[in-house]
Amino acid sequence: MKENIHPKYYQTTATCACGTVYEIGSTKQNLRLDICSACHPLFTGKQKLMDAEGRVSKFKKKYSTVSAQPKAAKKKTTKKKAKK
């Protein structure tokens, strides 16, 4: 194996946004995580609906005037030619 080509390996902590701290090995020190197995909906079974910038309410307001039932399609009438 070649020497001096591998990055340094540290025993470090990974801290999640929910406050959970993990002791792990990594090539980077003091990792900050957005989500972990303690707070991820797949593992916890709890789903959180995040309304980013009011998008759900904006959608409901925009389409509240639209009727729930679709309009009836117009039927085309065609005349068949009679054979002689």
N, C-alpha and C. Protein backbone atom coordinates (compact mmCIF):
# COMPACT_ATOMS: atom_id res chain seq x y z
N MET A 1 0.83 -1.19 0.00
CA MET A 1 0.00 0.00 0.00
C MET A 1 0.88 1.25 0.00
N LYS A 2 0.39 2.27 -0.64
CA LYS A 2 1.12 3.53 -0.65
C LYS A 2 0.92 4.23 0.68
N GLU A 3 1.91 4.93 1.12
CA GLU A 3 1.82 5.67 2.36
C GLU A 3 1.44 7.12 2.08
N ASN A 4 0.83 7.76 3.07
CA ASN A 4 0.48 9.19 3.04
C ASN A 4 -0.54 9.56 1.96
N ILE A 5 -1.40 8.62 1.57
CA ILE A 5 -2.45 8.97 0.60
C ILE A 5 -3.84 8.94 1.23
N HIS A 6 -3.95 8.37 2.42
CA HIS A 6 -5.25 8.24 3.06
C HIS A 6 -5.50 9.42 4.01
N PRO A 7 -6.76 9.87 4.11
CA PRO A 7 -7.05 10.98 5.03
C PRO A 7 -6.98 10.50 6.48
N LYS A 8 -6.84 11.45 7.40
CA LYS A 8 -6.81 11.11 8.82
C LYS A 8 -8.17 10.62 9.26
N TYR A 9 -8.18 9.68 10.17
CA TYR A 9 -9.42 9.09 10.68
C TYR A 9 -9.57 9.50 12.14
N TYR A 10 -10.70 10.15 12.47
CA TYR A 10 -10.92 10.68 13.81
C TYR A 10 -12.05 9.94 14.51
N GLN A 11 -11.96 9.83 15.83
CA GLN A 11 -13.10 9.45 16.66
C GLN A 11 -13.78 10.76 17.03
N THR A 12 -14.98 10.99 16.52
CA THR A 12 -15.63 12.28 16.65
C THR A 12 -17.08 12.13 17.08
N THR A 13 -17.76 13.24 17.27
CA THR A 13 -19.17 13.22 17.65
C THR A 13 -20.00 13.75 16.48
N ALA A 14 -21.15 13.15 16.29
CA ALA A 14 -22.13 13.62 15.30
C ALA A 14 -23.35 14.08 16.08
N THR A 15 -23.70 15.35 15.96
CA THR A 15 -24.81 15.94 16.71
C THR A 15 -25.96 16.23 15.76
N CYS A 16 -27.14 15.70 16.09
CA CYS A 16 -28.33 15.92 15.26
C CYS A 16 -29.02 17.20 15.70
N ALA A 17 -29.90 17.73 14.85
CA ALA A 17 -30.67 18.92 15.17
C ALA A 17 -31.65 18.67 16.31
N CYS A 18 -32.04 17.41 16.52
CA CYS A 18 -32.96 17.08 17.61
C CYS A 18 -32.24 16.98 18.95
N GLY A 19 -30.89 17.00 18.93
CA GLY A 19 -30.13 16.96 20.17
C GLY A 19 -29.44 15.65 20.45
N THR A 20 -29.69 14.63 19.66
CA THR A 20 -29.06 13.33 19.86
C THR A 20 -27.59 13.40 19.45
N VAL A 21 -26.71 12.81 20.26
CA VAL A 21 -25.27 12.83 20.00
C VAL A 21 -24.79 11.40 19.81
N TYR A 22 -24.01 11.17 18.75
CA TYR A 22 -23.46 9.85 18.45
C TYR A 22 -21.94 9.95 18.43
N GLU A 23 -21.28 8.95 18.97
CA GLU A 23 -19.82 8.82 18.88
C GLU A 23 -19.53 7.92 17.68
N ILE A 24 -18.85 8.48 16.67
CA ILE A 24 -18.58 7.73 15.44
C ILE A 24 -17.15 7.95 14.99
N GLY A 25 -16.72 7.18 14.01
CA GLY A 25 -15.44 7.38 13.37
C GLY A 25 -15.66 8.03 12.02
N SER A 26 -14.86 9.06 11.71
CA SER A 26 -15.06 9.78 10.46
C SER A 26 -13.76 10.46 10.05
N THR A 27 -13.70 10.89 8.80
CA THR A 27 -12.55 11.66 8.33
C THR A 27 -12.73 13.14 8.60
N LYS A 28 -13.88 13.53 9.14
CA LYS A 28 -14.15 14.93 9.52
C LYS A 28 -14.44 14.98 11.01
N GLN A 29 -14.18 16.10 11.63
CA GLN A 29 -14.42 16.25 13.06
C GLN A 29 -15.70 17.02 13.32
N ASN A 30 -16.38 16.66 14.41
CA ASN A 30 -17.58 17.36 14.90
C ASN A 30 -18.62 17.59 13.81
N LEU A 31 -19.31 16.54 13.44
CA LEU A 31 -20.34 16.60 12.40
C LEU A 31 -21.65 17.11 12.97
N ARG A 32 -22.38 17.91 12.19
CA ARG A 32 -23.71 18.40 12.54
C ARG A 32 -24.69 17.80 11.54
N LEU A 33 -25.70 17.09 12.04
CA LEU A 33 -26.67 16.40 11.19
C LEU A 33 -28.01 17.12 11.21
N ASP A 34 -28.75 17.05 10.10
CA ASP A 34 -30.09 17.61 10.05
C ASP A 34 -31.11 16.63 10.61
N ILE A 35 -30.90 15.35 10.36
CA ILE A 35 -31.88 14.35 10.76
C ILE A 35 -31.15 13.04 11.07
N CYS A 36 -31.67 12.29 12.03
CA CYS A 36 -31.05 11.03 12.42
C CYS A 36 -32.13 9.97 12.62
N SER A 37 -31.73 8.77 13.03
CA SER A 37 -32.70 7.70 13.22
C SER A 37 -33.62 7.95 14.40
N ALA A 38 -33.24 8.83 15.31
CA ALA A 38 -34.09 9.14 16.47
C ALA A 38 -35.24 10.08 16.11
N CYS A 39 -35.09 10.87 15.04
CA CYS A 39 -36.14 11.83 14.69
C CYS A 39 -36.67 11.67 13.27
N HIS A 40 -36.17 10.73 12.48
CA HIS A 40 -36.64 10.52 11.11
C HIS A 40 -38.00 9.82 11.13
N PRO A 41 -38.98 10.30 10.34
CA PRO A 41 -40.33 9.72 10.34
C PRO A 41 -40.37 8.24 9.97
N LEU A 42 -39.44 7.76 9.17
CA LEU A 42 -39.41 6.35 8.78
C LEU A 42 -39.16 5.47 9.99
N PHE A 43 -38.29 5.90 10.88
CA PHE A 43 -37.95 5.10 12.05
C PHE A 43 -38.89 5.34 13.23
N THR A 44 -39.42 6.56 13.37
CA THR A 44 -40.26 6.88 14.52
C THR A 44 -41.72 6.55 14.27
N GLY A 45 -42.16 6.53 13.02
CA GLY A 45 -43.56 6.27 12.70
C GLY A 45 -44.44 7.50 12.82
N LYS A 46 -43.85 8.64 13.08
CA LYS A 46 -44.61 9.89 13.22
C LYS A 46 -44.32 10.76 12.01
N GLN A 47 -45.37 11.17 11.34
CA GLN A 47 -45.23 12.01 10.16
C GLN A 47 -45.50 13.46 10.55
N LYS A 48 -44.64 14.35 10.12
CA LYS A 48 -44.81 15.77 10.38
C LYS A 48 -45.12 16.46 9.05
N LEU A 49 -46.18 17.24 9.02
CA LEU A 49 -46.51 18.01 7.83
C LEU A 49 -45.95 19.41 8.02
N MET A 50 -44.97 19.75 7.21
CA MET A 50 -44.36 21.05 7.32
C MET A 50 -44.88 21.93 6.21
N ASP A 51 -45.56 23.00 6.58
CA ASP A 51 -46.12 23.93 5.61
C ASP A 51 -45.09 25.02 5.35
N ALA A 52 -44.23 24.78 4.37
CA ALA A 52 -43.16 25.72 4.06
C ALA A 52 -43.74 26.95 3.37
N GLU A 53 -43.62 28.06 4.02
CA GLU A 53 -44.03 29.37 3.49
C GLU A 53 -45.50 29.42 3.13
N GLY A 54 -46.35 28.68 3.82
CA GLY A 54 -47.79 28.73 3.59
C GLY A 54 -48.22 28.15 2.27
N ARG A 55 -47.50 27.19 1.74
CA ARG A 55 -47.82 26.65 0.41
C ARG A 55 -49.14 25.89 0.40
N VAL A 56 -49.43 25.17 1.48
CA VAL A 56 -50.68 24.41 1.53
C VAL A 56 -51.85 25.37 1.59
N SER A 57 -51.78 26.38 2.44
CA SER A 57 -52.88 27.34 2.54
C SER A 57 -53.01 28.16 1.25
N LYS A 58 -51.89 28.45 0.61
CA LYS A 58 -51.92 29.17 -0.66
C LYS A 58 -52.62 28.34 -1.74
N PHE A 59 -52.32 27.03 -1.76
CA PHE A 59 -52.95 26.12 -2.71
C PHE A 59 -54.46 26.04 -2.46
N LYS A 60 -54.84 25.87 -1.20
CA LYS A 60 -56.27 25.78 -0.86
C LYS A 60 -57.01 27.06 -1.22
N LYS A 61 -56.39 28.20 -0.98
CA LYS A 61 -57.02 29.48 -1.31
C LYS A 61 -57.19 29.62 -2.83
N LYS A 62 -56.18 29.21 -3.57
CA LYS A 62 -56.20 29.33 -5.02
C LYS A 62 -57.29 28.47 -5.65
N TYR A 63 -57.44 27.23 -5.14
CA TYR A 63 -58.36 26.29 -5.74
C TYR A 63 -59.65 26.10 -4.96
N SER A 64 -59.96 26.99 -4.03
CA SER A 64 -61.20 26.86 -3.26
C SER A 64 -62.42 27.20 -4.12
N THR A 65 -62.23 27.99 -5.16
CA THR A 65 -63.35 28.37 -6.01
C THR A 65 -63.66 27.33 -7.09
N VAL A 66 -62.76 26.41 -7.32
CA VAL A 66 -62.95 25.37 -8.33
C VAL A 66 -63.93 24.34 -7.78
N SER A 67 -64.91 23.97 -8.62
CA SER A 67 -65.91 22.99 -8.17
C SER A 67 -65.28 21.61 -8.08
N ALA A 68 -65.83 20.79 -7.21
CA ALA A 68 -65.28 19.46 -6.97
C ALA A 68 -65.66 18.48 -8.08
N GLN A 69 -66.80 18.71 -8.73
CA GLN A 69 -67.26 17.79 -9.77
C GLN A 69 -66.80 18.27 -11.13
N PRO A 70 -66.31 17.35 -11.96
CA PRO A 70 -65.89 17.75 -13.31
C PRO A 70 -67.11 18.05 -14.18
N LYS A 71 -66.90 18.90 -15.16
CA LYS A 71 -67.98 19.26 -16.08
C LYS A 71 -68.29 18.08 -16.99
N ALA A 72 -69.55 17.97 -17.38
CA ALA A 72 -69.97 16.89 -18.27
C ALA A 72 -69.41 17.15 -19.67
N ALA A 73 -68.91 16.12 -20.30
CA ALA A 73 -68.35 16.23 -21.63
C ALA A 73 -69.49 16.35 -22.65
N LYS A 74 -69.28 17.20 -23.65
CA LYS A 74 -70.29 17.35 -24.70
C LYS A 74 -70.22 16.17 -25.64
N LYS A 75 -71.38 15.65 -26.00
CA LYS A 75 -71.44 14.52 -26.92
C LYS A 75 -71.49 15.03 -28.34
N LYS A 76 -70.71 14.41 -29.18
CA LYS A 76 -70.71 14.77 -30.59
C LYS A 76 -71.75 13.95 -31.31
N THR A 77 -72.52 14.60 -32.14
CA THR A 77 -73.52 13.87 -32.93
C THR A 77 -73.02 13.81 -34.36
N THR A 78 -72.99 12.63 -34.88
CA THR A 78 -72.56 12.44 -36.27
C THR A 78 -73.67 11.74 -37.03
N LYS A 79 -73.83 12.14 -38.25
CA LYS A 79 -74.84 11.52 -39.09
C LYS A 79 -74.15 10.52 -39.99
N LYS A 80 -74.75 9.34 -40.07
CA LYS A 80 -74.22 8.31 -40.93
C LYS A 80 -74.91 8.41 -42.29
N LYS A 81 -74.13 8.22 -43.34
CA LYS A 81 -74.70 8.26 -44.67
C LYS A 81 -75.38 6.93 -44.95
N ALA A 82 -76.54 7.04 -45.56
CA ALA A 82 -77.30 5.82 -45.91
C ALA A 82 -76.76 5.27 -47.22
N LYS A 83 -76.64 3.95 -47.30
CA LYS A 83 -76.16 3.31 -48.53
C LYS A 83 -77.31 3.22 -49.52
N LYS A 84 -77.03 3.37 -50.78
CA LYS A 84 -78.05 3.31 -51.83
C LYS A 84 -78.22 1.93 -52.34
